[in-house]
C-alpha cells in the first residue's frame, strides 16, 4: 500500500499523473471554486455556528420535556443530508464524484476493520476519559439524556445513526481531508488538524472534556480513513458506535 504523502502536488489531482488504481480513485478530481466554498463552510462556518449555538451555559434544555423526533431527529436528518447533497454536487462538479471521497466498492474486510477500530478506540477513549475526569474537565450529560430516550425510538435512532455515519464521515473525512490536502499542496498534517478542529467544535455542547475526547476520536477516524483509503470502514464504525450507544448505556445501568 503506497503512502498518500507521495502525491502532494496539485497535479496528482488531475489527469496526466498515473498513481496506482486505489490512489487514483480517491485523488481523481480537479479543484474548483466550489471546492473552496465547501471547504470554508465545513472548516469555518459550520463549526463556528456550532460554537455560537452550543456555548456551555448559554441555555439549558430539559430533554425529558422535548419530543425528540420533532426537535432532534428530524432536524438532524434534514441538516446532515442537505450537507451531504451539497458535498455530492461539489464532488460531481470537480469531476470525481463520490469515488473521489472514498466511496469505493464495499468489501467484507471493511466490517472487520470497523469492528476492530470500535473496540480499540473505545478502550483508548475510556482511558482518556478517566484522565479528563481526574483533572476536573467537565463532560456534559446531555448526550446520555438523548441516548437514554433513544431506546423508545429505535427506528428513528437507527436512521440518525446511519445518517451520522454517512454524512459526517463524508464531510469531515472524505471531503475535508482530501480537498484541504489538494488546496494546501502539502501532506496530511494541515487537513487532519482542520478536520479534527471542525469535528470537535461541533461537539462543544459536551463540555470541554467532551470536546477533547471527541476531537481525539475524530483524529482516530482520520487515521482510519487515510490508512484504508476508503470511507466505508469509518462509516461502518461510526454507525456501530452511535447505534450501540443505547445498548451500552443500558448495560452500564445508566
C-alpha atoms as a PDB file:
ATOM      1  CA  UNK A   1       0.000   0.000   0.000  1.00  0.00           C
ATOM      2  CA  UNK A   2       1.564   3.273  -1.090  1.00  0.00           C
ATOM      3  CA  UNK A   3       1.751   6.312   1.168  1.00  0.00           C
ATOM      4  CA  UNK A   4      -0.694   9.086   0.339  1.00  0.00           C
ATOM      5  CA  UNK A   5       2.030  11.625   1.008  1.00  0.00           C
ATOM      6  CA  UNK A   6       3.673  10.570  -2.266  1.00  0.00           C
ATOM      7  CA  UNK A   7       1.027  12.582  -4.085  1.00  0.00           C
ATOM      8  CA  UNK A   8       1.281  16.065  -2.650  1.00  0.00           C
ATOM      9  CA  UNK A   9       1.477  18.123  -5.820  1.00  0.00           C
ATOM     10  CA  UNK A  10      -1.702  19.629  -7.264  1.00  0.00           C
ATOM     11  CA  UNK A  11      -1.104  17.707 -10.484  1.00  0.00           C
ATOM     12  CA  UNK A  12      -1.837  14.471  -8.647  1.00  0.00           C
ATOM     13  CA  UNK A  13      -5.467  15.561  -8.508  1.00  0.00           C
ATOM     14  CA  UNK A  14      -5.742  15.969 -12.281  1.00  0.00           C
ATOM     15  CA  UNK A  15      -5.401  13.747 -15.296  1.00  0.00           C
ATOM     16  CA  UNK A  16      -1.887  13.142 -16.594  1.00  0.00           C
ATOM     17  CA  UNK A  17      -0.476  11.607 -13.447  1.00  0.00           C
ATOM     18  CA  UNK A  18      -0.985   7.906 -13.053  1.00  0.00           C
ATOM     19  CA  UNK A  19      -0.855   6.775  -9.430  1.00  0.00           C
ATOM     20  CA  UNK A  20      -1.913   3.266  -8.586  1.00  0.00           C
ATOM     21  CA  UNK A  21      -5.548   2.267  -9.046  1.00  0.00           C
ATOM     22  CA  UNK A  22      -6.704   2.852  -5.471  1.00  0.00           C
ATOM     23  CA  UNK A  23      -4.835   6.155  -5.220  1.00  0.00           C
ATOM     24  CA  UNK A  24      -6.279   7.492  -8.465  1.00  0.00           C
ATOM     25  CA  UNK A  25      -9.791   6.544  -7.371  1.00  0.00           C
ATOM     26  CA  UNK A  26      -9.605   8.897  -4.392  1.00  0.00           C
ATOM     27  CA  UNK A  27      -7.458  11.663  -5.911  1.00  0.00           C
ATOM     28  CA  UNK A  28      -9.018  11.931  -9.375  1.00  0.00           C
ATOM     29  CA  UNK A  29     -10.659  15.346  -9.135  1.00  0.00           C
ATOM     30  CA  UNK A  30      -9.934  18.966 -10.032  1.00  0.00           C
ATOM     31  CA  UNK A  31     -10.105  21.819  -7.537  1.00  0.00           C
ATOM     32  CA  UNK A  32     -12.887  24.247  -8.470  1.00  0.00           C
ATOM     33  CA  UNK A  33     -14.281  27.449  -6.906  1.00  0.00           C
ATOM     34  CA  UNK A  34     -16.974  25.259  -5.343  1.00  0.00           C
ATOM     35  CA  UNK A  35     -14.192  23.370  -3.561  1.00  0.00           C
ATOM     36  CA  UNK A  36     -13.126  26.474  -1.645  1.00  0.00           C
ATOM     37  CA  UNK A  37     -16.711  27.392  -0.816  1.00  0.00           C
ATOM     38  CA  UNK A  38     -17.488  23.979   0.670  1.00  0.00           C
ATOM     39  CA  UNK A  39     -14.141  23.865   2.495  1.00  0.00           C
ATOM     40  CA  UNK A  40     -14.781  27.266   4.109  1.00  0.00           C
ATOM     41  CA  UNK A  41     -18.229  26.111   5.149  1.00  0.00           C
ATOM     42  CA  UNK A  42     -17.048  22.809   6.645  1.00  0.00           C
ATOM     43  CA  UNK A  43     -13.855  24.103   8.273  1.00  0.00           C
ATOM     44  CA  UNK A  44     -15.003  27.551   9.476  1.00  0.00           C
ATOM     45  CA  UNK A  45     -18.675  28.491   9.128  1.00  0.00           C
ATOM     46  CA  UNK A  46     -20.351  25.255  10.238  1.00  0.00           C
ATOM     47  CA  UNK A  47     -18.212  24.677  13.367  1.00  0.00           C
ATOM     48  CA  UNK A  48     -18.342  28.428  14.093  1.00  0.00           C
ATOM     49  CA  UNK A  49     -22.123  28.310  14.081  1.00  0.00           C
ATOM     50  CA  UNK A  50     -21.972  25.255  16.313  1.00  0.00           C
ATOM     51  CA  UNK A  51     -19.774  27.124  18.779  1.00  0.00           C
ATOM     52  CA  UNK A  52     -22.212  30.016  18.955  1.00  0.00           C
ATOM     53  CA  UNK A  53     -25.217  27.770  19.492  1.00  0.00           C
ATOM     54  CA  UNK A  54     -23.569  25.367  21.911  1.00  0.00           C
ATOM     55  CA  UNK A  55     -21.556  27.524  24.284  1.00  0.00           C
ATOM     56  CA  UNK A  56     -21.842  25.980  27.757  1.00  0.00           C
ATOM     57  CA  UNK A  57     -24.264  27.859  29.981  1.00  0.00           C
ATOM     58  CA  UNK A  58     -25.858  29.798  27.114  1.00  0.00           C
ATOM     59  CA  UNK A  59     -29.082  27.859  27.568  1.00  0.00           C
ATOM     60  CA  UNK A  60     -30.462  24.802  29.304  1.00  0.00           C
ATOM     61  CA  UNK A  61     -32.623  22.149  27.697  1.00  0.00           C
ATOM     62  CA  UNK A  62     -34.888  19.764  29.526  1.00  0.00           C
ATOM     63  CA  UNK A  63     -34.725  16.744  27.236  1.00  0.00           C
ATOM     64  CA  UNK A  64     -37.414  14.907  29.153  1.00  0.00           C
ATOM     65  CA  UNK A  65     -39.957  17.527  28.087  1.00  0.00           C
ATOM     66  CA  UNK A  66     -38.898  17.592  24.424  1.00  0.00           C
ATOM     67  CA  UNK A  67     -40.326  15.497  21.630  1.00  0.00           C
ATOM     68  CA  UNK A  68     -37.020  14.039  20.352  1.00  0.00           C
ATOM     69  CA  UNK A  69     -38.489  13.143  16.959  1.00  0.00           C
ATOM     70  CA  UNK A  70     -39.603  16.697  16.192  1.00  0.00           C
ATOM     71  CA  UNK A  71     -36.838  18.652  17.950  1.00  0.00           C
ATOM     72  CA  UNK A  72     -33.794  16.403  17.454  1.00  0.00           C
ATOM     73  CA  UNK A  73     -34.122  13.553  14.961  1.00  0.00           C
ATOM     74  CA  UNK A  74     -35.945  15.219  12.053  1.00  0.00           C
ATOM     75  CA  UNK A  75     -33.879  18.464  12.116  1.00  0.00           C
ATOM     76  CA  UNK A  76     -30.671  16.430  12.342  1.00  0.00           C
ATOM     77  CA  UNK A  77     -31.658  14.227   9.407  1.00  0.00           C
ATOM     78  CA  UNK A  78     -32.593  17.215   7.251  1.00  0.00           C
ATOM     79  CA  UNK A  79     -29.452  19.222   8.028  1.00  0.00           C
ATOM     80  CA  UNK A  80     -26.994  16.365   7.569  1.00  0.00           C
ATOM     81  CA  UNK A  81     -28.484  15.069   4.317  1.00  0.00           C
ATOM     82  CA  UNK A  82     -28.631  18.637   2.984  1.00  0.00           C
ATOM     83  CA  UNK A  83     -24.895  18.966   3.674  1.00  0.00           C
ATOM     84  CA  UNK A  84     -24.290  15.587   2.030  1.00  0.00           C
ATOM     85  CA  UNK A  85     -26.163  16.775  -1.072  1.00  0.00           C
ATOM     86  CA  UNK A  86     -24.038  19.929  -1.272  1.00  0.00           C
ATOM     87  CA  UNK A  87     -20.848  17.866  -0.962  1.00  0.00           C
ATOM     88  CA  UNK A  88     -22.030  15.407  -3.609  1.00  0.00           C
ATOM     89  CA  UNK A  89     -22.789  18.268  -6.006  1.00  0.00           C
ATOM     90  CA  UNK A  90     -19.368  19.806  -5.341  1.00  0.00           C
ATOM     91  CA  UNK A  91     -17.630  16.456  -5.897  1.00  0.00           C
ATOM     92  CA  UNK A  92     -19.589  15.987  -9.126  1.00  0.00           C
ATOM     93  CA  UNK A  93     -18.574  19.478 -10.265  1.00  0.00           C
ATOM     94  CA  UNK A  94     -14.946  18.635  -9.512  1.00  0.00           C
ATOM     95  CA  UNK A  95     -15.186  15.634 -11.819  1.00  0.00           C
ATOM     96  CA  UNK A  96     -14.500  12.982  -9.206  1.00  0.00           C
ATOM     97  CA  UNK A  97     -17.929  12.198  -7.806  1.00  0.00           C
ATOM     98  CA  UNK A  98     -18.395  10.103  -4.720  1.00  0.00           C
ATOM     99  CA  UNK A  99     -15.449   7.849  -5.606  1.00  0.00           C
ATOM    100  CA  UNK A 100     -13.082  10.776  -5.089  1.00  0.00           C
ATOM    101  CA  UNK A 101     -14.327  10.980  -1.499  1.00  0.00           C
ATOM    102  CA  UNK A 102     -13.532   7.350  -0.722  1.00  0.00           C
ATOM    103  CA  UNK A 103     -16.738   5.572  -1.750  1.00  0.00           C
ATOM    104  CA  UNK A 104     -15.093   2.560  -3.352  1.00  0.00           C
ATOM    105  CA  UNK A 105     -16.580  -0.916  -3.691  1.00  0.00           C
ATOM    106  CA  UNK A 106     -17.897  -2.178  -0.362  1.00  0.00           C
ATOM    107  CA  UNK A 107     -15.823  -5.132   0.862  1.00  0.00           C
ATOM    108  CA  UNK A 108     -16.370  -7.576   3.729  1.00  0.00           C
ATOM    109  CA  UNK A 109     -12.982  -6.802   5.249  1.00  0.00           C
ATOM    110  CA  UNK A 110     -14.173  -3.251   5.923  1.00  0.00           C
ATOM    111  CA  UNK A 111     -16.563  -4.651   8.525  1.00  0.00           C
ATOM    112  CA  UNK A 112     -13.614  -6.286  10.275  1.00  0.00           C
ATOM    113  CA  UNK A 113     -11.635  -3.040  10.172  1.00  0.00           C
ATOM    114  CA  UNK A 114     -14.617  -1.167  11.614  1.00  0.00           C
ATOM    115  CA  UNK A 115     -15.221  -3.614  14.464  1.00  0.00           C
ATOM    116  CA  UNK A 116     -11.551  -3.669  15.420  1.00  0.00           C
ATOM    117  CA  UNK A 117     -11.453   0.122  15.289  1.00  0.00           C
ATOM    118  CA  UNK A 118     -14.509   0.476  17.536  1.00  0.00           C
ATOM    119  CA  UNK A 119     -13.064  -1.888  20.135  1.00  0.00           C
ATOM    120  CA  UNK A 120      -9.584  -0.352  20.256  1.00  0.00           C
ATOM    121  CA  UNK A 121     -10.731   3.275  20.012  1.00  0.00           C
ATOM    122  CA  UNK A 122     -13.233   2.834  22.846  1.00  0.00           C
ATOM    123  CA  UNK A 123     -10.581   1.309  25.060  1.00  0.00           C
ATOM    124  CA  UNK A 124      -8.362   4.322  24.393  1.00  0.00           C
ATOM    125  CA  UNK A 125     -11.199   6.790  24.953  1.00  0.00           C
ATOM    126  CA  UNK A 126     -12.221   5.139  28.233  1.00  0.00           C
ATOM    127  CA  UNK A 127      -8.677   5.557  29.488  1.00  0.00           C
ATOM    128  CA  UNK A 128      -8.522   9.182  28.339  1.00  0.00           C
ATOM    129  CA  UNK A 129     -11.934   9.871  29.882  1.00  0.00           C
ATOM    130  CA  UNK A 130     -10.634   8.802  33.279  1.00  0.00           C
ATOM    131  CA  UNK A 131      -7.774  11.280  32.896  1.00  0.00           C
ATOM    132  CA  UNK A 132     -10.089  14.078  31.775  1.00  0.00           C
ATOM    133  CA  UNK A 133     -12.394  13.473  34.742  1.00  0.00           C
ATOM    134  CA  UNK A 134      -9.450  13.260  37.126  1.00  0.00           C
ATOM    135  CA  UNK A 135      -8.148  16.697  36.157  1.00  0.00           C
ATOM    136  CA  UNK A 136     -11.655  18.141  36.539  1.00  0.00           C
ATOM    137  CA  UNK A 137     -12.680  18.969  32.979  1.00  0.00           C
ATOM    138  CA  UNK A 138     -16.450  18.925  32.531  1.00  0.00           C
ATOM    139  CA  UNK A 139     -18.229  16.341  30.396  1.00  0.00           C
ATOM    140  CA  UNK A 140     -21.870  17.171  29.725  1.00  0.00           C
ATOM    141  CA  UNK A 141     -24.536  14.539  30.359  1.00  0.00           C
ATOM    142  CA  UNK A 142     -26.772  15.907  27.556  1.00  0.00           C
ATOM    143  CA  UNK A 143     -25.753  13.120  25.203  1.00  0.00           C
ATOM    144  CA  UNK A 144     -26.598  10.466  27.785  1.00  0.00           C
ATOM    145  CA  UNK A 145     -30.040  12.011  28.213  1.00  0.00           C
ATOM    146  CA  UNK A 146     -30.637  11.943  24.458  1.00  0.00           C
ATOM    147  CA  UNK A 147     -29.362   8.372  24.175  1.00  0.00           C
ATOM    148  CA  UNK A 148     -31.483   7.292  27.151  1.00  0.00           C
ATOM    149  CA  UNK A 149     -34.592   8.483  25.281  1.00  0.00           C
ATOM    150  CA  UNK A 150     -33.446   6.822  22.059  1.00  0.00           C
ATOM    151  CA  UNK A 151     -34.361   3.387  23.380  1.00  0.00           C
ATOM    152  CA  UNK A 152     -38.020   4.351  22.961  1.00  0.00           C
ATOM    153  CA  UNK A 153     -37.447   5.479  19.368  1.00  0.00           C
ATOM    154  CA  UNK A 154     -35.237   2.729  17.990  1.00  0.00           C
ATOM    155  CA  UNK A 155     -36.304   3.253  14.366  1.00  0.00           C
ATOM    156  CA  UNK A 156     -35.529   6.950  14.465  1.00  0.00           C
ATOM    157  CA  UNK A 157     -32.237   6.318  16.264  1.00  0.00           C
ATOM    158  CA  UNK A 158     -31.306   3.808  13.579  1.00  0.00           C
ATOM    159  CA  UNK A 159     -31.974   6.434  10.902  1.00  0.00           C
ATOM    160  CA  UNK A 160     -29.937   9.014  12.827  1.00  0.00           C
ATOM    161  CA  UNK A 161     -27.045   6.563  13.296  1.00  0.00           C
ATOM    162  CA  UNK A 162     -26.925   5.698   9.597  1.00  0.00           C
ATOM    163  CA  UNK A 163     -27.158   9.370   8.678  1.00  0.00           C
ATOM    164  CA  UNK A 164     -24.392  10.406  11.066  1.00  0.00           C
ATOM    165  CA  UNK A 165     -22.137   7.620   9.833  1.00  0.00           C
ATOM    166  CA  UNK A 166     -22.543   8.507   6.168  1.00  0.00           C
ATOM    167  CA  UNK A 167     -22.886  12.281   6.275  1.00  0.00           C
ATOM    168  CA  UNK A 168     -20.354  13.159   8.972  1.00  0.00           C
ATOM    169  CA  UNK A 169     -17.671  10.863   7.579  1.00  0.00           C
ATOM    170  CA  UNK A 170     -18.299  12.192   4.069  1.00  0.00           C
ATOM    171  CA  UNK A 171     -17.988  15.787   5.287  1.00  0.00           C
ATOM    172  CA  UNK A 172     -15.189  15.689   7.852  1.00  0.00           C
ATOM    173  CA  UNK A 173     -13.096  12.883   6.445  1.00  0.00           C
ATOM    174  CA  UNK A 174     -13.929  12.219   2.792  1.00  0.00           C
ATOM    175  CA  UNK A 175     -14.260  15.824   1.623  1.00  0.00           C
ATOM    176  CA  UNK A 176     -12.453  17.992   4.151  1.00  0.00           C
ATOM    177  CA  UNK A 177      -9.327  15.841   4.244  1.00  0.00           C
ATOM    178  CA  UNK A 178      -8.875  15.271   0.516  1.00  0.00           C
ATOM    179  CA  UNK A 179      -9.781  18.784  -0.611  1.00  0.00           C
ATOM    180  CA  UNK A 180      -7.739  20.529   2.076  1.00  0.00           C
ATOM    181  CA  UNK A 181      -4.790  18.363   1.049  1.00  0.00           C
ATOM    182  CA  UNK A 182      -5.245  19.368  -2.585  1.00  0.00           C
ATOM    183  CA  UNK A 183      -5.611  23.068  -1.769  1.00  0.00           C
ATOM    184  CA  UNK A 184      -2.687  23.284   0.683  1.00  0.00           C
ATOM    185  CA  UNK A 185      -0.468  21.162  -1.609  1.00  0.00           C
ATOM    186  CA  UNK A 186       1.114  19.521   1.406  1.00  0.00           C
ATOM    187  CA  UNK A 187       0.771  16.256   3.268  1.00  0.00           C
ATOM    188  CA  UNK A 188      -1.966  15.220   5.662  1.00  0.00           C
ATOM    189  CA  UNK A 189      -0.987  17.320   8.704  1.00  0.00           C
ATOM    190  CA  UNK A 190      -2.937  20.516   7.960  1.00  0.00           C
ATOM    191  CA  UNK A 191      -6.004  18.672   6.591  1.00  0.00           C
ATOM    192  CA  UNK A 192      -6.111  16.443   9.683  1.00  0.00           C
ATOM    193  CA  UNK A 193      -5.858  19.446  12.018  1.00  0.00           C
ATOM    194  CA  UNK A 194      -8.710  21.192  10.172  1.00  0.00           C
ATOM    195  CA  UNK A 195     -10.820  18.040  10.240  1.00  0.00           C
ATOM    196  CA  UNK A 196     -10.260  17.419  13.945  1.00  0.00           C
ATOM    197  CA  UNK A 197     -10.966  21.046  14.875  1.00  0.00           C
ATOM    198  CA  UNK A 198     -14.142  21.219  12.781  1.00  0.00           C
ATOM    199  CA  UNK A 199     -15.416  17.864  14.029  1.00  0.00           C
ATOM    200  CA  UNK A 200     -14.618  18.683  17.641  1.00  0.00           C
ATOM    201  CA  UNK A 201     -16.128  22.186  17.549  1.00  0.00           C
ATOM    202  CA  UNK A 202     -19.498  20.731  16.667  1.00  0.00           C
ATOM    203  CA  UNK A 203     -19.482  18.833  19.961  1.00  0.00           C
ATOM    204  CA  UNK A 204     -18.732  21.663  22.378  1.00  0.00           C
ATOM    205  CA  UNK A 205     -22.120  21.032  23.975  1.00  0.00           C
ATOM    206  CA  UNK A 206     -20.480  18.019  25.625  1.00  0.00           C
ATOM    207  CA  UNK A 207     -18.267  20.314  27.692  1.00  0.00           C
ATOM    208  CA  UNK A 208     -14.535  20.904  27.396  1.00  0.00           C
ATOM    209  CA  UNK A 209     -13.748  17.378  28.476  1.00  0.00           C
ATOM    210  CA  UNK A 210     -16.159  16.001  25.905  1.00  0.00           C
ATOM    211  CA  UNK A 211     -14.678  18.310  23.275  1.00  0.00           C
ATOM    212  CA  UNK A 212     -11.207  16.900  23.908  1.00  0.00           C
ATOM    213  CA  UNK A 213     -12.412  13.296  23.740  1.00  0.00           C
ATOM    214  CA  UNK A 214     -14.441  13.861  20.551  1.00  0.00           C
ATOM    215  CA  UNK A 215     -11.501  15.646  18.921  1.00  0.00           C
ATOM    216  CA  UNK A 216      -9.235  12.700  19.682  1.00  0.00           C
ATOM    217  CA  UNK A 217     -11.914  10.369  18.341  1.00  0.00           C
ATOM    218  CA  UNK A 218     -12.025  12.455  15.178  1.00  0.00           C
ATOM    219  CA  UNK A 219      -8.256  12.105  14.902  1.00  0.00           C
ATOM    220  CA  UNK A 220      -8.640   8.321  15.075  1.00  0.00           C
ATOM    221  CA  UNK A 221     -11.211   8.415  12.282  1.00  0.00           C
ATOM    222  CA  UNK A 222      -8.816  10.458  10.143  1.00  0.00           C
ATOM    223  CA  UNK A 223      -6.168   7.791  10.684  1.00  0.00           C
ATOM    224  CA  UNK A 224      -8.620   5.030   9.738  1.00  0.00           C
ATOM    225  CA  UNK A 225      -9.621   6.822   6.544  1.00  0.00           C
ATOM    226  CA  UNK A 226      -6.051   7.583   5.458  1.00  0.00           C
ATOM    227  CA  UNK A 227      -4.829   4.058   6.192  1.00  0.00           C
ATOM    228  CA  UNK A 228      -7.686   2.209   4.478  1.00  0.00           C
ATOM    229  CA  UNK A 229      -8.167   4.747   1.650  1.00  0.00           C
ATOM    230  CA  UNK A 230     -11.871   4.130   1.917  1.00  0.00           C
ATOM    231  CA  UNK A 231     -14.762   5.831   3.713  1.00  0.00           C
ATOM    232  CA  UNK A 232     -16.597   2.571   4.340  1.00  0.00           C
ATOM    233  CA  UNK A 233     -14.652   1.423   7.447  1.00  0.00           C
ATOM    234  CA  UNK A 234     -15.149   4.850   9.054  1.00  0.00           C
ATOM    235  CA  UNK A 235     -18.836   4.947   8.099  1.00  0.00           C
ATOM    236  CA  UNK A 236     -19.475   1.464   9.485  1.00  0.00           C
ATOM    237  CA  UNK A 237     -17.528   2.182  12.687  1.00  0.00           C
ATOM    238  CA  UNK A 238     -19.344   5.494  13.177  1.00  0.00           C
ATOM    239  CA  UNK A 239     -22.701   3.782  12.716  1.00  0.00           C
ATOM    240  CA  UNK A 240     -21.863   0.954  15.126  1.00  0.00           C
ATOM    241  CA  UNK A 241     -20.639   3.415  17.748  1.00  0.00           C
ATOM    242  CA  UNK A 242     -23.764   5.581  17.573  1.00  0.00           C
ATOM    243  CA  UNK A 243     -26.378   2.847  17.311  1.00  0.00           C
ATOM    244  CA  UNK A 244     -24.889   0.634  20.003  1.00  0.00           C
ATOM    245  CA  UNK A 245     -24.789   3.585  22.418  1.00  0.00           C
ATOM    246  CA  UNK A 246     -28.366   2.908  23.564  1.00  0.00           C
ATOM    247  CA  UNK A 247     -27.493  -0.685  24.490  1.00  0.00           C
ATOM    248  CA  UNK A 248     -24.173   0.219  26.099  1.00  0.00           C
ATOM    249  CA  UNK A 249     -25.991   2.782  28.268  1.00  0.00           C
ATOM    250  CA  UNK A 250     -28.461   0.125  29.387  1.00  0.00           C
ATOM    251  CA  UNK A 251     -25.698  -2.339  30.195  1.00  0.00           C
ATOM    252  CA  UNK A 252     -23.897   0.299  32.245  1.00  0.00           C
ATOM    253  CA  UNK A 253     -27.035   0.775  34.303  1.00  0.00           C
ATOM    254  CA  UNK A 254     -27.483   4.436  33.382  1.00  0.00           C
END
